[in-house]
Amino acid sequence: MIEFPKNTQGGIFMSVLREQMIRDMNLKGLSQKTIQSYVRYIVDYARYYKTPPDKLGPNEIKEYLSYLISQRKLSNELLEDVIVP
């Protein structure tokens, strides 16, 4: 079973969106480890903006990827993991 971060009120952070995302990734046949990684990336993305990911758009994605490369020194290999095919 995948453990997910809790929000400050003790509830599951962005649970409806997460459930939809997990369902879609399961339908694609992704491994539980891959699903857990992708969910963690989305949680980090939402925390960076302090906004639910469904309220963010292409410009925020580009800005966040730029942040990952320049500030967190994410390698191209890891960056490819962040971008879901």
PDB file of N, CA and C in Angstrom:
ATOM      1  N   MET A   1       0.839  -1.181   0.000  1.00  0.00           N
ATOM      2  CA  MET A   1       0.000   0.000   0.000  1.00  0.00           C
ATOM      3  C   MET A   1       0.883   1.243   0.000  1.00  0.00           C
ATOM      4  N   ILE A   2       0.522   2.222  -0.802  1.00  0.00           N
ATOM      5  CA  ILE A   2       1.293   3.452  -0.913  1.00  0.00           C
ATOM      6  C   ILE A   2       0.906   4.399   0.211  1.00  0.00           C
ATOM      7  N   GLU A   3       1.909   4.935   0.905  1.00  0.00           N
ATOM      8  CA  GLU A   3       1.688   5.939   1.946  1.00  0.00           C
ATOM      9  C   GLU A   3       1.829   7.323   1.318  1.00  0.00           C
ATOM     10  N   PHE A   4       0.889   8.212   1.626  1.00  0.00           N
ATOM     11  CA  PHE A   4       0.910   9.547   1.066  1.00  0.00           C
ATOM     12  C   PHE A   4       1.019  10.590   2.163  1.00  0.00           C
ATOM     13  N   PRO A   5       1.624  11.735   1.841  1.00  0.00           N
ATOM     14  CA  PRO A   5       1.739  12.800   2.831  1.00  0.00           C
ATOM     15  C   PRO A   5       0.372  13.310   3.256  1.00  0.00           C
ATOM     16  N   LYS A   6       0.284  13.770   4.493  1.00  0.00           N
ATOM     17  CA  LYS A   6      -0.944  14.366   5.017  1.00  0.00           C
ATOM     18  C   LYS A   6      -0.798  15.885   4.975  1.00  0.00           C
ATOM     19  N   ASN A   7      -1.945  16.572   4.844  1.00  0.00           N
ATOM     20  CA  ASN A   7      -1.866  18.024   4.924  1.00  0.00           C
ATOM     21  C   ASN A   7      -1.888  18.445   6.383  1.00  0.00           C
ATOM     22  N   THR A   8      -1.819  19.723   6.648  1.00  0.00           N
ATOM     23  CA  THR A   8      -1.700  20.193   8.022  1.00  0.00           C
ATOM     24  C   THR A   8      -2.952  19.933   8.847  1.00  0.00           C
ATOM     25  N   GLN A   9      -4.092  19.718   8.198  1.00  0.00           N
ATOM     26  CA  GLN A   9      -5.315  19.414   8.920  1.00  0.00           C
ATOM     27  C   GLN A   9      -5.451  17.914   9.168  1.00  0.00           C
ATOM     28  N   GLY A  10      -4.498  17.114   8.753  1.00  0.00           N
ATOM     29  CA  GLY A  10      -4.519  15.680   8.988  1.00  0.00           C
ATOM     30  C   GLY A  10      -5.193  14.890   7.887  1.00  0.00           C
ATOM     31  N   GLY A  11      -5.793  15.564   6.905  1.00  0.00           N
ATOM     32  CA  GLY A  11      -6.439  14.860   5.797  1.00  0.00           C
ATOM     33  C   GLY A  11      -5.438  14.543   4.711  1.00  0.00           C
ATOM     34  N   ILE A  12      -5.850  13.722   3.784  1.00  0.00           N
ATOM     35  CA  ILE A  12      -4.978  13.394   2.663  1.00  0.00           C
ATOM     36  C   ILE A  12      -4.897  14.604   1.746  1.00  0.00           C
ATOM     37  N   PHE A  13      -3.680  14.983   1.376  1.00  0.00           N
ATOM     38  CA  PHE A  13      -3.425  16.140   0.527  1.00  0.00           C
ATOM     39  C   PHE A  13      -3.896  15.849  -0.895  1.00  0.00           C
ATOM     40  N   MET A  14      -4.736  16.702  -1.454  1.00  0.00           N
ATOM     41  CA  MET A  14      -5.275  16.603  -2.814  1.00  0.00           C
ATOM     42  C   MET A  14      -5.744  15.192  -3.149  1.00  0.00           C
ATOM     43  N   SER A  15      -6.544  14.598  -2.285  1.00  0.00           N
ATOM     44  CA  SER A  15      -6.889  13.185  -2.393  1.00  0.00           C
ATOM     45  C   SER A  15      -7.693  12.828  -3.643  1.00  0.00           C
ATOM     46  N   VAL A  16      -8.667  13.625  -4.048  1.00  0.00           N
ATOM     47  CA  VAL A  16      -9.477  13.278  -5.215  1.00  0.00           C
ATOM     48  C   VAL A  16      -8.617  13.264  -6.466  1.00  0.00           C
ATOM     49  N   LEU A  17      -7.837  14.300  -6.648  1.00  0.00           N
ATOM     50  CA  LEU A  17      -6.952  14.366  -7.801  1.00  0.00           C
ATOM     51  C   LEU A  17      -5.943  13.219  -7.776  1.00  0.00           C
ATOM     52  N   ARG A  18      -5.410  12.923  -6.604  1.00  0.00           N
ATOM     53  CA  ARG A  18      -4.452  11.825  -6.446  1.00  0.00           C
ATOM     54  C   ARG A  18      -5.096  10.497  -6.829  1.00  0.00           C
ATOM     55  N   GLU A  19      -6.294  10.260  -6.355  1.00  0.00           N
ATOM     56  CA  GLU A  19      -6.986   9.002  -6.677  1.00  0.00           C
ATOM     57  C   GLU A  19      -7.179   8.852  -8.171  1.00  0.00           C
ATOM     58  N   GLN A  20      -7.567   9.928  -8.849  1.00  0.00           N
ATOM     59  CA  GLN A  20      -7.742   9.886 -10.303  1.00  0.00           C
ATOM     60  C   GLN A  20      -6.413   9.593 -10.996  1.00  0.00           C
ATOM     61  N   MET A  21      -5.374  10.250 -10.532  1.00  0.00           N
ATOM     62  CA  MET A  21      -4.048  10.066 -11.108  1.00  0.00           C
ATOM     63  C   MET A  21      -3.568   8.625 -10.917  1.00  0.00           C
ATOM     64  N   ILE A  22      -3.741   8.088  -9.718  1.00  0.00           N
ATOM     65  CA  ILE A  22      -3.312   6.721  -9.431  1.00  0.00           C
ATOM     66  C   ILE A  22      -4.108   5.722 -10.272  1.00  0.00           C
ATOM     67  N   ARG A  23      -5.416   5.944 -10.359  1.00  0.00           N
ATOM     68  CA  ARG A  23      -6.249   5.062 -11.180  1.00  0.00           C
ATOM     69  C   ARG A  23      -5.757   5.048 -12.629  1.00  0.00           C
ATOM     70  N   ASP A  24      -5.499   6.226 -13.176  1.00  0.00           N
ATOM     71  CA  ASP A  24      -5.042   6.321 -14.568  1.00  0.00           C
ATOM     72  C   ASP A  24      -3.688   5.635 -14.756  1.00  0.00           C
ATOM     73  N   MET A  25      -2.792   5.806 -13.795  1.00  0.00           N
ATOM     74  CA  MET A  25      -1.470   5.173 -13.915  1.00  0.00           C
ATOM     75  C   MET A  25      -1.573   3.660 -13.758  1.00  0.00           C
ATOM     76  N   ASN A  26      -2.475   3.187 -12.889  1.00  0.00           N
ATOM     77  CA  ASN A  26      -2.698   1.738 -12.777  1.00  0.00           C
ATOM     78  C   ASN A  26      -3.233   1.178 -14.084  1.00  0.00           C
ATOM     79  N   LEU A  27      -4.136   1.915 -14.721  1.00  0.00           N
ATOM     80  CA  LEU A  27      -4.683   1.467 -16.009  1.00  0.00           C
ATOM     81  C   LEU A  27      -3.598   1.396 -17.086  1.00  0.00           C
ATOM     82  N   LYS A  28      -2.585   2.254 -16.965  1.00  0.00           N
ATOM     83  CA  LYS A  28      -1.458   2.220 -17.911  1.00  0.00           C
ATOM     84  C   LYS A  28      -0.474   1.108 -17.586  1.00  0.00           C
ATOM     85  N   GLY A  29      -0.649   0.461 -16.422  1.00  0.00           N
ATOM     86  CA  GLY A  29       0.222  -0.644 -16.043  1.00  0.00           C
ATOM     87  C   GLY A  29       1.524  -0.226 -15.391  1.00  0.00           C
ATOM     88  N   LEU A  30       1.583   0.986 -14.847  1.00  0.00           N
ATOM     89  CA  LEU A  30       2.800   1.430 -14.185  1.00  0.00           C
ATOM     90  C   LEU A  30       2.982   0.695 -12.860  1.00  0.00           C
ATOM     91  N   SER A  31       4.235   0.496 -12.463  1.00  0.00           N
ATOM     92  CA  SER A  31       4.524  -0.195 -11.206  1.00  0.00           C
ATOM     93  C   SER A  31       4.151   0.696 -10.026  1.00  0.00           C
ATOM     94  N   GLN A  32       3.939   0.079  -8.866  1.00  0.00           N
ATOM     95  CA  GLN A  32       3.609   0.836  -7.665  1.00  0.00           C
ATOM     96  C   GLN A  32       4.741   1.796  -7.296  1.00  0.00           C
ATOM     97  N   LYS A  33       5.971   1.392  -7.519  1.00  0.00           N
ATOM     98  CA  LYS A  33       7.111   2.263  -7.220  1.00  0.00           C
ATOM     99  C   LYS A  33       7.084   3.502  -8.124  1.00  0.00           C
ATOM    100  N   THR A  34       6.787   3.308  -9.402  1.00  0.00           N
ATOM    101  CA  THR A  34       6.700   4.426 -10.346  1.00  0.00           C
ATOM    102  C   THR A  34       5.549   5.348  -9.966  1.00  0.00           C
ATOM    103  N   ILE A  35       4.410   4.762  -9.634  1.00  0.00           N
ATOM    104  CA  ILE A  35       3.250   5.555  -9.229  1.00  0.00           C
ATOM    105  C   ILE A  35       3.588   6.385  -8.004  1.00  0.00           C
ATOM    106  N   GLN A  36       4.222   5.781  -7.038  1.00  0.00           N
ATOM    107  CA  GLN A  36       4.601   6.496  -5.816  1.00  0.00           C
ATOM    108  C   GLN A  36       5.541   7.660  -6.140  1.00  0.00           C
ATOM    109  N   SER A  37       6.489   7.433  -7.041  1.00  0.00           N
ATOM    110  CA  SER A  37       7.414   8.507  -7.432  1.00  0.00           C
ATOM    111  C   SER A  37       6.672   9.652  -8.107  1.00  0.00           C
ATOM    112  N   TYR A  38       5.784   9.333  -9.040  1.00  0.00           N
ATOM    113  CA  TYR A  38       5.044  10.379  -9.753  1.00  0.00           C
ATOM    114  C   TYR A  38       4.148  11.173  -8.800  1.00  0.00           C
ATOM    115  N   VAL A  39       3.508  10.480  -7.880  1.00  0.00           N
ATOM    116  CA  VAL A  39       2.664  11.173  -6.910  1.00  0.00           C
ATOM    117  C   VAL A  39       3.521  12.106  -6.052  1.00  0.00           C
ATOM    118  N   ARG A  40       4.692  11.638  -5.649  1.00  0.00           N
ATOM    119  CA  ARG A  40       5.586  12.478  -4.844  1.00  0.00           C
ATOM    120  C   ARG A  40       6.002  13.727  -5.633  1.00  0.00           C
ATOM    121  N   TYR A  41       6.276  13.576  -6.935  1.00  0.00           N
ATOM    122  CA  TYR A  41       6.642  14.737  -7.745  1.00  0.00           C
ATOM    123  C   TYR A  41       5.496  15.746  -7.810  1.00  0.00           C
ATOM    124  N   ILE A  42       4.277  15.269  -7.947  1.00  0.00           N
ATOM    125  CA  ILE A  42       3.131  16.169  -8.018  1.00  0.00           C
ATOM    126  C   ILE A  42       2.916  16.869  -6.680  1.00  0.00           C
ATOM    127  N   VAL A  43       3.083  16.141  -5.580  1.00  0.00           N
ATOM    128  CA  VAL A  43       2.961  16.751  -4.250  1.00  0.00           C
ATOM    129  C   VAL A  43       4.013  17.846  -4.086  1.00  0.00           C
ATOM    130  N   ASP A  44       5.250  17.568  -4.489  1.00  0.00           N
ATOM    131  CA  ASP A  44       6.318  18.574  -4.406  1.00  0.00           C
ATOM    132  C   ASP A  44       5.985  19.802  -5.258  1.00  0.00           C
ATOM    133  N   TYR A  45       5.458  19.566  -6.452  1.00  0.00           N
ATOM    134  CA  TYR A  45       5.067  20.639  -7.372  1.00  0.00           C
ATOM    135  C   TYR A  45       3.991  21.517  -6.728  1.00  0.00           C
ATOM    136  N   ALA A  46       2.977  20.897  -6.153  1.00  0.00           N
ATOM    137  CA  ALA A  46       1.896  21.648  -5.508  1.00  0.00           C
ATOM    138  C   ALA A  46       2.410  22.419  -4.293  1.00  0.00           C
ATOM    139  N   ARG A  47       3.301  21.805  -3.529  1.00  0.00           N
ATOM    140  CA  ARG A  47       3.866  22.488  -2.359  1.00  0.00           C
ATOM    141  C   ARG A  47       4.712  23.682  -2.767  1.00  0.00           C
ATOM    142  N   TYR A  48       5.434  23.557  -3.874  1.00  0.00           N
ATOM    143  CA  TYR A  48       6.273  24.651  -4.352  1.00  0.00           C
ATOM    144  C   TYR A  48       5.422  25.895  -4.592  1.00  0.00           C
ATOM    145  N   TYR A  49       4.251  25.714  -5.191  1.00  0.00           N
ATOM    146  CA  TYR A  49       3.364  26.842  -5.486  1.00  0.00           C
ATOM    147  C   TYR A  49       2.321  27.093  -4.400  1.00  0.00           C
ATOM    148  N   LYS A  50       2.224  26.163  -3.426  1.00  0.00           N
ATOM    149  CA  LYS A  50       1.193  26.254  -2.389  1.00  0.00           C
ATOM    150  C   LYS A  50      -0.190  26.382  -3.024  1.00  0.00           C
ATOM    151  N   THR A  51      -0.386  25.610  -4.090  1.00  0.00           N
ATOM    152  CA  THR A  51      -1.616  25.637  -4.878  1.00  0.00           C
ATOM    153  C   THR A  51      -1.895  24.232  -5.393  1.00  0.00           C
ATOM    154  N   PRO A  52      -3.154  23.822  -5.447  1.00  0.00           N
ATOM    155  CA  PRO A  52      -3.456  22.508  -6.022  1.00  0.00           C
ATOM    156  C   PRO A  52      -2.965  22.438  -7.478  1.00  0.00           C
ATOM    157  N   PRO A  53      -2.419  21.301  -7.887  1.00  0.00           N
ATOM    158  CA  PRO A  53      -1.849  21.206  -9.231  1.00  0.00           C
ATOM    159  C   PRO A  53      -2.863  21.416 -10.345  1.00  0.00           C
ATOM    160  N   ASP A  54      -4.142  21.144 -10.094  1.00  0.00           N
ATOM    161  CA  ASP A  54      -5.128  21.356 -11.146  1.00  0.00           C
ATOM    162  C   ASP A  54      -5.434  22.834 -11.368  1.00  0.00           C
ATOM    163  N   LYS A  55      -4.887  23.700 -10.518  1.00  0.00           N
ATOM    164  CA  LYS A  55      -5.042  25.146 -10.678  1.00  0.00           C
ATOM    165  C   LYS A  55      -3.823  25.774 -11.342  1.00  0.00           C
ATOM    166  N   LEU A  56      -2.837  24.957 -11.686  1.00  0.00           N
ATOM    167  CA  LEU A  56      -1.598  25.439 -12.298  1.00  0.00           C
ATOM    168  C   LEU A  56      -1.582  25.070 -13.783  1.00  0.00           C
ATOM    169  N   GLY A  57      -0.825  25.824 -14.561  1.00  0.00           N
ATOM    170  CA  GLY A  57      -0.810  25.603 -15.998  1.00  0.00           C
ATOM    171  C   GLY A  57       0.587  25.399 -16.562  1.00  0.00           C
ATOM    172  N   PRO A  58       0.684  25.458 -17.890  1.00  0.00           N
ATOM    173  CA  PRO A  58       1.960  25.211 -18.576  1.00  0.00           C
ATOM    174  C   PRO A  58       3.090  26.145 -18.155  1.00  0.00           C
ATOM    175  N   ASN A  59       2.776  27.402 -17.895  1.00  0.00           N
ATOM    176  CA  ASN A  59       3.834  28.338 -17.485  1.00  0.00           C
ATOM    177  C   ASN A  59       4.428  27.950 -16.138  1.00  0.00           C
ATOM    178  N   GLU A  60       3.574  27.516 -15.205  1.00  0.00           N
ATOM    179  CA  GLU A  60       4.063  27.092 -13.898  1.00  0.00           C
ATOM    180  C   GLU A  60       4.891  25.815 -14.009  1.00  0.00           C
ATOM    181  N   ILE A  61       4.498  24.938 -14.897  1.00  0.00           N
ATOM    182  CA  ILE A  61       5.266  23.703 -15.109  1.00  0.00           C
ATOM    183  C   ILE A  61       6.665  24.048 -15.604  1.00  0.00           C
ATOM    184  N   LYS A  62       6.748  24.925 -16.596  1.00  0.00           N
ATOM    185  CA  LYS A  62       8.054  25.335 -17.130  1.00  0.00           C
ATOM    186  C   LYS A  62       8.906  25.995 -16.052  1.00  0.00           C
ATOM    187  N   GLU A  63       8.279  26.868 -15.269  1.00  0.00           N
ATOM    188  CA  GLU A  63       9.005  27.552 -14.194  1.00  0.00           C
ATOM    189  C   GLU A  63       9.500  26.544 -13.153  1.00  0.00           C
ATOM    190  N   TYR A  64       8.664  25.574 -12.806  1.00  0.00           N
ATOM    191  CA  TYR A  64       9.044  24.572 -11.812  1.00  0.00           C
ATOM    192  C   TYR A  64      10.172  23.689 -12.337  1.00  0.00           C
ATOM    193  N   LEU A  65      10.100  23.284 -13.593  1.00  0.00           N
ATOM    194  CA  LEU A  65      11.180  22.482 -14.174  1.00  0.00           C
ATOM    195  C   LEU A  65      12.482  23.271 -14.201  1.00  0.00           C
ATOM    196  N   SER A  66      12.389  24.561 -14.499  1.00  0.00           N
ATOM    197  CA  SER A  66      13.578  25.415 -14.465  1.00  0.00           C
ATOM    198  C   SER A  66      14.156  25.465 -13.056  1.00  0.00           C
ATOM    199  N   TYR A  67      13.286  25.573 -12.055  1.00  0.00           N
ATOM    200  CA  TYR A  67      13.715  25.556 -10.655  1.00  0.00           C
ATOM    201  C   TYR A  67      14.419  24.241 -10.323  1.00  0.00           C
ATOM    202  N   LEU A  68      13.851  23.121 -10.759  1.00  0.00           N
ATOM    203  CA  LEU A  68      14.460  21.816 -10.480  1.00  0.00           C
ATOM    204  C   LEU A  68      15.861  21.720 -11.065  1.00  0.00           C
ATOM    205  N   ILE A  69      16.039  22.271 -12.256  1.00  0.00           N
ATOM    206  CA  ILE A  69      17.349  22.208 -12.918  1.00  0.00           C
ATOM    207  C   ILE A  69      18.336  23.176 -12.265  1.00  0.00           C
ATOM    208  N   SER A  70      17.923  24.420 -12.067  1.00  0.00           N
ATOM    209  CA  SER A  70      18.872  25.436 -11.607  1.00  0.00           C
ATOM    210  C   SER A  70      19.113  25.421 -10.098  1.00  0.00           C
ATOM    211  N   GLN A  71      18.082  25.224  -9.312  1.00  0.00           N
ATOM    212  CA  GLN A  71      18.236  25.301  -7.863  1.00  0.00           C
ATOM    213  C   GLN A  71      18.473  23.950  -7.202  1.00  0.00           C
ATOM    214  N   ARG A  72      17.759  22.944  -7.653  1.00  0.00           N
ATOM    215  CA  ARG A  72      17.904  21.622  -7.036  1.00  0.00           C
ATOM    216  C   ARG A  72      18.884  20.744  -7.801  1.00  0.00           C
ATOM    217  N   LYS A  73      19.418  21.289  -8.895  1.00  0.00           N
ATOM    218  CA  LYS A  73      20.457  20.612  -9.689  1.00  0.00           C
ATOM    219  C   LYS A  73      20.022  19.209 -10.121  1.00  0.00           C
ATOM    220  N   LEU A  74      18.765  19.110 -10.537  1.00  0.00           N
ATOM    221  CA  LEU A  74      18.231  17.833 -11.003  1.00  0.00           C
ATOM    222  C   LEU A  74      18.878  17.477 -12.329  1.00  0.00           C
ATOM    223  N   SER A  75      19.325  16.241 -12.453  1.00  0.00           N
ATOM    224  CA  SER A  75      19.964  15.799 -13.689  1.00  0.00           C
ATOM    225  C   SER A  75      18.911  15.556 -14.773  1.00  0.00           C
ATOM    226  N   ASN A  76      19.364  15.500 -16.011  1.00  0.00           N
ATOM    227  CA  ASN A  76      18.455  15.232 -17.119  1.00  0.00           C
ATOM    228  C   ASN A  76      17.770  13.882 -16.959  1.00  0.00           C
ATOM    229  N   GLU A  77      18.493  12.879 -16.435  1.00  0.00           N
ATOM    230  CA  GLU A  77      17.890  11.560 -16.218  1.00  0.00           C
ATOM    231  C   GLU A  77      16.740  11.647 -15.227  1.00  0.00           C
ATOM    232  N   LEU A  78      16.967  12.332 -14.115  1.00  0.00           N
ATOM    233  CA  LEU A  78      15.908  12.470 -13.117  1.00  0.00           C
ATOM    234  C   LEU A  78      14.777  13.353 -13.642  1.00  0.00           C
ATOM    235  N   LEU A  79      15.120  14.369 -14.416  1.00  0.00           N
ATOM    236  CA  LEU A  79      14.114  15.242 -14.982  1.00  0.00           C
ATOM    237  C   LEU A  79      13.190  14.451 -15.906  1.00  0.00           C
ATOM    238  N   GLU A  80      13.727  13.498 -16.634  1.00  0.00           N
ATOM    239  CA  GLU A  80      12.891  12.648 -17.493  1.00  0.00           C
ATOM    240  C   GLU A  80      11.903  11.849 -16.655  1.00  0.00           C
ATOM    241  N   ASP A  81      12.279  11.489 -15.423  1.00  0.00           N
ATOM    242  CA  ASP A  81      11.353  10.793 -14.519  1.00  0.00           C
ATOM    243  C   ASP A  81      10.241  11.722 -14.045  1.00  0.00           C
ATOM    244  N   VAL A  82      10.535  13.005 -13.901  1.00  0.00           N
ATOM    245  CA  VAL A  82       9.554  13.951 -13.418  1.00  0.00           C
ATOM    246  C   VAL A  82       8.472  14.159 -14.466  1.00  0.00           C
ATOM    247  N   ILE A  83       8.853  14.146 -15.724  1.00  0.00           N
ATOM    248  CA  ILE A  83       7.902  14.380 -16.819  1.00  0.00           C
ATOM    249  C   ILE A  83       7.308  13.042 -17.213  1.00  0.00           C
ATOM    250  N   VAL A  84       6.025  12.859 -16.874  1.00  0.00           N
ATOM    251  CA  VAL A  84       5.345  11.604 -17.167  1.00  0.00           C
ATOM    252  C   VAL A  84       5.120  11.507 -18.669  1.00  0.00           C
ATOM    253  N   PRO A  85       5.542  10.376 -19.258  1.00  0.00           N
ATOM    254  CA  PRO A  85       5.358  10.234 -20.719  1.00  0.00           C
ATOM    255  C   PRO A  85       3.899  10.142 -21.097  1.00  0.00           C
TER     256      PRO A  85
END
